[in-house]
Amino acid sequence: MKRAFTILELVFVIIILGILAAIALPKLESSKDEAELSKSLSNLKTLINDISIYALKKRYFKHD
């Protein structure tokens, strides 16, 4: 005979999942912030590199 879950067991599982979600969500949010910051820094480096290449091609910088 199969034994089904009781209401009490299901409530405990839901409580445990809620606690785990409460722990994980702030960490995921900070990971998103770090990813956005990393992406912005990468874009800034690319922009600086492109401006430098443009300036060198137009001879704005003196080349030794």
N, C-alpha and C. Protein backbone atom coordinates (compact mmCIF):
# COMPACT_ATOMS: atom_id res chain seq x y z
N MET A 1 0.83 -1.17 0.00
CA MET A 1 0.00 0.00 0.00
C MET A 1 0.89 1.25 0.00
N LYS A 2 0.54 2.22 -0.87
CA LYS A 2 1.31 3.47 -0.95
C LYS A 2 0.91 4.38 0.19
N ARG A 3 1.90 5.05 0.71
CA ARG A 3 1.66 5.98 1.81
C ARG A 3 1.75 7.39 1.25
N ALA A 4 0.75 8.18 1.39
CA ALA A 4 0.73 9.56 0.89
C ALA A 4 1.35 10.49 1.93
N PHE A 5 1.74 11.68 1.46
CA PHE A 5 2.25 12.69 2.38
C PHE A 5 1.11 13.25 3.22
N THR A 6 1.41 13.53 4.46
CA THR A 6 0.39 14.16 5.30
C THR A 6 0.47 15.67 5.12
N ILE A 7 -0.55 16.36 5.57
CA ILE A 7 -0.58 17.82 5.48
C ILE A 7 0.58 18.43 6.26
N LEU A 8 0.89 17.84 7.40
CA LEU A 8 1.97 18.35 8.24
C LEU A 8 3.32 18.26 7.51
N GLU A 9 3.57 17.15 6.85
CA GLU A 9 4.81 17.00 6.09
C GLU A 9 4.90 18.03 4.96
N LEU A 10 3.81 18.24 4.27
CA LEU A 10 3.79 19.22 3.19
C LEU A 10 4.01 20.63 3.72
N VAL A 11 3.45 20.95 4.87
CA VAL A 11 3.65 22.27 5.47
C VAL A 11 5.13 22.47 5.84
N PHE A 12 5.75 21.45 6.41
CA PHE A 12 7.17 21.54 6.75
C PHE A 12 8.03 21.75 5.51
N VAL A 13 7.71 21.05 4.44
CA VAL A 13 8.47 21.21 3.20
C VAL A 13 8.32 22.63 2.67
N ILE A 14 7.13 23.17 2.71
CA ILE A 14 6.90 24.53 2.23
C ILE A 14 7.63 25.54 3.10
N ILE A 15 7.64 25.33 4.40
CA ILE A 15 8.37 26.23 5.30
C ILE A 15 9.87 26.18 5.01
N ILE A 16 10.41 24.99 4.84
CA ILE A 16 11.84 24.85 4.56
C ILE A 16 12.19 25.51 3.23
N LEU A 17 11.36 25.31 2.20
CA LEU A 17 11.61 25.95 0.92
C LEU A 17 11.53 27.48 1.04
N GLY A 18 10.63 27.98 1.85
CA GLY A 18 10.53 29.42 2.07
C GLY A 18 11.78 29.97 2.75
N ILE A 19 12.29 29.25 3.72
CA ILE A 19 13.52 29.68 4.40
C ILE A 19 14.69 29.67 3.43
N LEU A 20 14.81 28.62 2.63
CA LEU A 20 15.89 28.56 1.65
C LEU A 20 15.78 29.68 0.62
N ALA A 21 14.57 29.98 0.19
CA ALA A 21 14.37 31.08 -0.77
C ALA A 21 14.74 32.41 -0.13
N ALA A 22 14.40 32.60 1.14
CA ALA A 22 14.73 33.85 1.83
C ALA A 22 16.24 34.02 1.97
N ILE A 23 16.95 32.92 2.09
CA ILE A 23 18.41 32.97 2.18
C ILE A 23 19.02 33.22 0.80
N ALA A 24 18.48 32.57 -0.22
CA ALA A 24 19.09 32.61 -1.55
C ALA A 24 18.80 33.89 -2.32
N LEU A 25 17.63 34.46 -2.17
CA LEU A 25 17.25 35.62 -2.99
C LEU A 25 18.16 36.83 -2.80
N PRO A 26 18.54 37.21 -1.60
CA PRO A 26 19.46 38.36 -1.48
C PRO A 26 20.81 38.08 -2.14
N LYS A 27 21.27 36.84 -2.07
CA LYS A 27 22.55 36.51 -2.71
C LYS A 27 22.43 36.59 -4.23
N LEU A 28 21.30 36.17 -4.76
CA LEU A 28 21.09 36.27 -6.20
C LEU A 28 21.01 37.73 -6.61
N GLU A 29 20.39 38.55 -5.80
CA GLU A 29 20.27 39.98 -6.12
C GLU A 29 21.64 40.63 -6.13
N SER A 30 22.49 40.30 -5.16
CA SER A 30 23.83 40.88 -5.15
C SER A 30 24.65 40.35 -6.32
N SER A 31 24.40 39.12 -6.74
CA SER A 31 25.09 38.59 -7.91
C SER A 31 24.70 39.34 -9.16
N LYS A 32 23.43 39.71 -9.25
CA LYS A 32 22.98 40.51 -10.40
C LYS A 32 23.66 41.87 -10.40
N ASP A 33 23.78 42.48 -9.22
CA ASP A 33 24.45 43.77 -9.12
C ASP A 33 25.92 43.66 -9.53
N GLU A 34 26.59 42.61 -9.07
CA GLU A 34 27.99 42.41 -9.43
C GLU A 34 28.13 42.16 -10.93
N ALA A 35 27.21 41.42 -11.52
CA ALA A 35 27.26 41.15 -12.95
C ALA A 35 27.05 42.44 -13.74
N GLU A 36 26.14 43.27 -13.28
CA GLU A 36 25.89 44.54 -13.98
C GLU A 36 27.11 45.45 -13.88
N LEU A 37 27.74 45.49 -12.71
CA LEU A 37 28.94 46.29 -12.53
C LEU A 37 30.07 45.78 -13.42
N SER A 38 30.24 44.48 -13.48
CA SER A 38 31.28 43.89 -14.32
C SER A 38 31.04 44.21 -15.79
N LYS A 39 29.79 44.13 -16.21
CA LYS A 39 29.45 44.44 -17.60
C LYS A 39 29.74 45.91 -17.90
N SER A 40 29.40 46.80 -16.97
CA SER A 40 29.64 48.23 -17.16
C SER A 40 31.13 48.52 -17.25
N LEU A 41 31.93 47.88 -16.40
CA LEU A 41 33.38 48.09 -16.46
C LEU A 41 33.95 47.57 -17.77
N SER A 42 33.44 46.45 -18.23
CA SER A 42 33.90 45.91 -19.51
C SER A 42 33.57 46.87 -20.65
N ASN A 43 32.36 47.42 -20.62
CA ASN A 43 31.97 48.38 -21.65
C ASN A 43 32.84 49.64 -21.59
N LEU A 44 33.18 50.07 -20.39
CA LEU A 44 34.03 51.24 -20.23
C LEU A 44 35.43 50.98 -20.78
N LYS A 45 35.98 49.80 -20.50
CA LYS A 45 37.29 49.44 -21.04
C LYS A 45 37.27 49.41 -22.57
N THR A 46 36.20 48.87 -23.12
CA THR A 46 36.07 48.83 -24.58
C THR A 46 36.00 50.24 -25.15
N LEU A 47 35.24 51.11 -24.51
CA LEU A 47 35.13 52.50 -24.96
C LEU A 47 36.48 53.20 -24.92
N ILE A 48 37.20 53.04 -23.82
CA ILE A 48 38.52 53.66 -23.69
C ILE A 48 39.47 53.13 -24.77
N ASN A 49 39.42 51.84 -25.00
CA ASN A 49 40.27 51.23 -26.03
C ASN A 49 39.92 51.79 -27.41
N ASP A 50 38.64 51.90 -27.72
CA ASP A 50 38.22 52.42 -29.02
C ASP A 50 38.62 53.87 -29.20
N ILE A 51 38.48 54.67 -28.15
CA ILE A 51 38.89 56.08 -28.24
C ILE A 51 40.40 56.19 -28.45
N SER A 52 41.15 55.34 -27.77
CA SER A 52 42.61 55.35 -27.93
C SER A 52 42.99 54.98 -29.36
N ILE A 53 42.37 53.97 -29.90
CA ILE A 53 42.67 53.56 -31.29
C ILE A 53 42.32 54.69 -32.25
N TYR A 54 41.16 55.30 -32.04
CA TYR A 54 40.75 56.41 -32.91
C TYR A 54 41.76 57.55 -32.83
N ALA A 55 42.17 57.90 -31.60
CA ALA A 55 43.11 59.00 -31.41
C ALA A 55 44.46 58.68 -32.06
N LEU A 56 44.91 57.44 -31.96
CA LEU A 56 46.18 57.07 -32.58
C LEU A 56 46.08 57.12 -34.10
N LYS A 57 44.95 56.69 -34.63
CA LYS A 57 44.79 56.74 -36.09
C LYS A 57 44.72 58.18 -36.59
N LYS A 58 44.13 59.06 -35.81
CA LYS A 58 44.03 60.47 -36.21
C LYS A 58 45.24 61.27 -35.75
N ARG A 59 46.20 60.58 -35.10
CA ARG A 59 47.43 61.17 -34.63
C ARG A 59 47.21 62.29 -33.59
N TYR A 60 46.24 62.08 -32.71
CA TYR A 60 46.03 63.03 -31.63
C TYR A 60 47.08 62.85 -30.54
N PHE A 61 47.60 61.63 -30.42
CA PHE A 61 48.66 61.36 -29.48
C PHE A 61 49.98 61.34 -30.23
N LYS A 62 51.01 61.86 -29.60
CA LYS A 62 52.31 61.81 -30.25
C LYS A 62 52.87 60.42 -30.10
N HIS A 63 53.29 59.85 -31.19
CA HIS A 63 53.81 58.49 -31.22
C HIS A 63 55.32 58.56 -31.23
N ASP A 64 55.98 57.88 -30.31
CA ASP A 64 57.46 57.91 -30.25
C ASP A 64 58.05 56.94 -31.23
